[in-house]
C-alpha atoms as a PDB file:
ATOM      1  CA  MET A   1       0.000   0.000   0.000  1.00  0.00           C
ATOM      2  CA  LYS A   2       1.361   3.360  -1.019  1.00  0.00           C
ATOM      3  CA  PHE A   3       1.347   6.251   1.435  1.00  0.00           C
ATOM      4  CA  PRO A   4       0.944   9.463  -0.566  1.00  0.00           C
ATOM      5  CA  ALA A   5       3.350  12.312   0.243  1.00  0.00           C
ATOM      6  CA  PHE A   6       0.372  14.571   0.916  1.00  0.00           C
ATOM      7  CA  HIS A   7      -0.824  12.350   3.756  1.00  0.00           C
ATOM      8  CA  PHE A   8       2.654  12.273   5.237  1.00  0.00           C
ATOM      9  CA  LEU A   9       2.949  16.068   5.136  1.00  0.00           C
ATOM     10  CA  ALA A  10      -0.524  16.466   6.624  1.00  0.00           C
ATOM     11  CA  ALA A  11       0.395  14.098   9.475  1.00  0.00           C
ATOM     12  CA  VAL A  12       3.622  16.011  10.164  1.00  0.00           C
ATOM     13  CA  ALA A  13       1.779  19.354  10.150  1.00  0.00           C
ATOM     14  CA  LEU A  14      -0.831  18.013  12.568  1.00  0.00           C
ATOM     15  CA  PHE A  15       1.869  16.636  14.869  1.00  0.00           C
ATOM     16  CA  LEU A  16       3.754  19.941  14.907  1.00  0.00           C
ATOM     17  CA  SER A  17       0.603  21.945  15.578  1.00  0.00           C
ATOM     18  CA  ILE A  18      -0.063  19.791  18.628  1.00  0.00           C
ATOM     19  CA  VAL A  19       3.506  19.548  19.951  1.00  0.00           C
ATOM     20  CA  VAL A  20       4.820  23.039  19.256  1.00  0.00           C
ATOM     21  CA  VAL A  21       2.649  25.323  21.341  1.00  0.00           C
ATOM     22  CA  ARG A  22       3.846  28.851  21.911  1.00  0.00           C
ATOM     23  CA  ALA A  23       3.196  30.027  25.424  1.00  0.00           C
ATOM     24  CA  GLU A  24       1.265  33.279  25.497  1.00  0.00           C
ATOM     25  CA  PRO A  25       2.727  35.696  27.996  1.00  0.00           C
ATOM     26  CA  ARG A  26       0.639  36.448  31.035  1.00  0.00           C
ATOM     27  CA  PRO A  27      -0.580  40.039  31.309  1.00  0.00           C
ATOM     28  CA  ASP A  28       1.903  40.638  34.133  1.00  0.00           C
ATOM     29  CA  ALA A  29       4.871  38.761  32.635  1.00  0.00           C
ATOM     30  CA  THR A  30       6.813  41.908  31.752  1.00  0.00           C
ATOM     31  CA  ALA A  31       8.251  44.197  34.409  1.00  0.00           C
ATOM     32  CA  SER A  32       9.343  47.808  34.061  1.00  0.00           C
ATOM     33  CA  ILE A  33      12.068  48.666  36.561  1.00  0.00           C
ATOM     34  CA  SER A  34      13.125  52.224  37.342  1.00  0.00           C
ATOM     35  CA  VAL A  35      16.895  52.404  37.923  1.00  0.00           C
ATOM     36  CA  PRO A  36      17.881  56.087  38.333  1.00  0.00           C
ATOM     37  CA  ALA A  37      21.628  55.325  38.510  1.00  0.00           C
ATOM     38  CA  ILE A  38      21.804  54.211  34.853  1.00  0.00           C
ATOM     39  CA  VAL A  39      23.980  56.808  33.106  1.00  0.00           C
ATOM     40  CA  CYS A  40      25.724  55.040  30.214  1.00  0.00           C
ATOM     41  CA  GLU A  41      25.879  52.024  27.933  1.00  0.00           C
ATOM     42  CA  GLY A  42      28.294  50.381  30.381  1.00  0.00           C
ATOM     43  CA  CYS A  43      25.544  50.475  33.017  1.00  0.00           C
ATOM     44  CA  ALA A  44      23.128  48.964  30.521  1.00  0.00           C
ATOM     45  CA  LYS A  45      25.618  46.236  29.632  1.00  0.00           C
ATOM     46  CA  SER A  46      26.254  45.199  33.241  1.00  0.00           C
ATOM     47  CA  ILE A  47      22.518  45.105  34.011  1.00  0.00           C
ATOM     48  CA  GLY A  48      21.872  43.140  30.813  1.00  0.00           C
ATOM     49  CA  ILE A  49      24.539  40.574  31.673  1.00  0.00           C
ATOM     50  CA  ALA A  50      23.195  40.140  35.210  1.00  0.00           C
ATOM     51  CA  CYS A  51      19.674  39.632  33.846  1.00  0.00           C
ATOM     52  CA  ARG A  52      20.743  37.187  31.135  1.00  0.00           C
ATOM     53  CA  ASN A  53      22.582  35.114  33.737  1.00  0.00           C
ATOM     54  CA  ASN A  54      19.363  34.564  35.696  1.00  0.00           C
ATOM     55  CA  ARG A  55      17.398  31.419  34.825  1.00  0.00           C
ATOM     56  CA  GLU A  56      14.000  33.052  35.405  1.00  0.00           C
ATOM     57  CA  ILE A  57      14.582  35.907  32.964  1.00  0.00           C
ATOM     58  CA  GLY A  58      13.887  35.298  29.298  1.00  0.00           C
ATOM     59  CA  GLY A  59      14.514  38.762  27.894  1.00  0.00           C
ATOM     60  CA  VAL A  60      15.848  42.144  28.910  1.00  0.00           C
ATOM     61  CA  TYR A  61      16.010  45.633  27.432  1.00  0.00           C
ATOM     62  CA  VAL A  62      17.697  48.646  29.036  1.00  0.00           C
ATOM     63  CA  ASP A  63      16.788  52.204  28.026  1.00  0.00           C
ATOM     64  CA  VAL A  64      19.656  54.423  29.176  1.00  0.00           C
ATOM     65  CA  LYS A  65      17.910  57.742  28.471  1.00  0.00           C
ATOM     66  CA  LYS A  66      14.757  56.814  30.375  1.00  0.00           C
ATOM     67  CA  LYS A  67      16.688  54.873  33.049  1.00  0.00           C
ATOM     68  CA  VAL A  68      14.340  51.910  32.726  1.00  0.00           C
ATOM     69  CA  VAL A  69      14.969  48.181  32.542  1.00  0.00           C
ATOM     70  CA  LEU A  70      12.324  45.976  30.911  1.00  0.00           C
ATOM     71  CA  VAL A  71      12.382  42.308  31.878  1.00  0.00           C
ATOM     72  CA  GLU A  72      10.294  39.392  30.656  1.00  0.00           C
ATOM     73  CA  GLY A  73      10.127  35.992  32.310  1.00  0.00           C
ATOM     74  CA  ILE A  74      10.741  32.615  30.711  1.00  0.00           C
ATOM     75  CA  ASP A  75       7.754  31.088  28.893  1.00  0.00           C
ATOM     76  CA  GLY A  76       5.545  34.087  29.622  1.00  0.00           C
ATOM     77  CA  LYS A  77       5.831  33.719  33.387  1.00  0.00           C
ATOM     78  CA  PRO A  78       6.430  36.811  35.525  1.00  0.00           C
ATOM     79  CA  VAL A  79       9.710  37.132  37.414  1.00  0.00           C
ATOM     80  CA  PRO A  80       9.094  37.767  41.140  1.00  0.00           C
ATOM     81  CA  ASP A  81       9.942  41.284  42.348  1.00  0.00           C
ATOM     82  CA  GLU A  82      12.437  39.894  44.868  1.00  0.00           C
ATOM     83  CA  VAL A  83      14.374  38.211  42.063  1.00  0.00           C
ATOM     84  CA  LEU A  84      14.368  41.398  39.992  1.00  0.00           C
ATOM     85  CA  GLN A  85      15.674  43.430  42.938  1.00  0.00           C
ATOM     86  CA  LYS A  86      18.459  40.902  43.576  1.00  0.00           C
ATOM     87  CA  VAL A  87      19.519  40.822  39.925  1.00  0.00           C
ATOM     88  CA  ILE A  88      19.658  44.618  39.675  1.00  0.00           C
ATOM     89  CA  LYS A  89      21.561  44.778  42.967  1.00  0.00           C
ATOM     90  CA  LYS A  90      23.999  42.099  41.753  1.00  0.00           C
ATOM     91  CA  ALA A  91      24.781  44.382  38.813  1.00  0.00           C
ATOM     92  CA  GLY A  92      25.580  47.167  41.301  1.00  0.00           C
ATOM     93  CA  TYR A  93      22.388  49.212  41.070  1.00  0.00           C
ATOM     94  CA  GLU A  94      19.181  49.769  43.019  1.00  0.00           C
ATOM     95  CA  ALA A  95      15.695  49.165  41.663  1.00  0.00           C
ATOM     96  CA  LYS A  96      13.616  52.165  42.783  1.00  0.00           C
ATOM     97  CA  GLU A  97      10.269  51.016  41.403  1.00  0.00           C
ATOM     98  CA  ILE A  98       9.035  47.795  39.829  1.00  0.00           C
ATOM     99  CA  ARG A  99       5.736  47.787  38.011  1.00  0.00           C
ATOM    100  CA  ARG A 100       4.046  45.264  35.773  1.00  0.00           C
ATOM    101  CA  VAL A 101       3.145  46.176  32.226  1.00  0.00           C
ATOM    102  CA  SER A 102       0.758  44.358  29.933  1.00  0.00           C
ATOM    103  CA  GLY A 103       1.995  42.577  26.846  1.00  0.00           C
ATOM    104  CA  SER A 104       5.317  41.160  25.791  1.00  0.00           C
ATOM    105  CA  LEU A 105       8.786  42.646  26.072  1.00  0.00           C
ATOM    106  CA  ALA A 106       8.494  43.843  22.466  1.00  0.00           C
ATOM    107  CA  ASP A 107       5.187  45.572  23.273  1.00  0.00           C
ATOM    108  CA  ALA A 108       6.754  47.255  26.312  1.00  0.00           C
ATOM    109  CA  ARG A 109       9.734  48.442  24.220  1.00  0.00           C
ATOM    110  CA  THR A 110       7.368  49.957  21.668  1.00  0.00           C
ATOM    111  CA  ALA A 111       5.374  51.711  24.393  1.00  0.00           C
ATOM    112  CA  LEU A 112       8.564  52.988  26.023  1.00  0.00           C
ATOM    113  CA  ALA A 113       9.796  54.434  22.711  1.00  0.00           C
ATOM    114  CA  ALA A 114       6.549  56.343  22.156  1.00  0.00           C
ATOM    115  CA  PRO A 115       6.751  60.070  22.939  1.00  0.00           C
END
């Protein structure tokens, strides 16, 4: 019995649609952290490295001009405030305010760039 290529491709597509599920970020998965001591790209780099070395953090963006760090958790899960404070402190800075923003890290970056 021949197994047509179309049936094989359809089976593979069905398998992938079931197995590969992209986790939607929770509404509170992204944090905006005010860090007034950020003054240069070196500050941004050290904060970025500290964040990337944490297993709970999936993405980070540092805006030097606005002195804000945006952090997104792994698989759309929020990173606890205590963890965020420790990571920022490990980089040598103090987190003045942590607030949750809706949407993904990319959405938060877009909102932060808006005038």
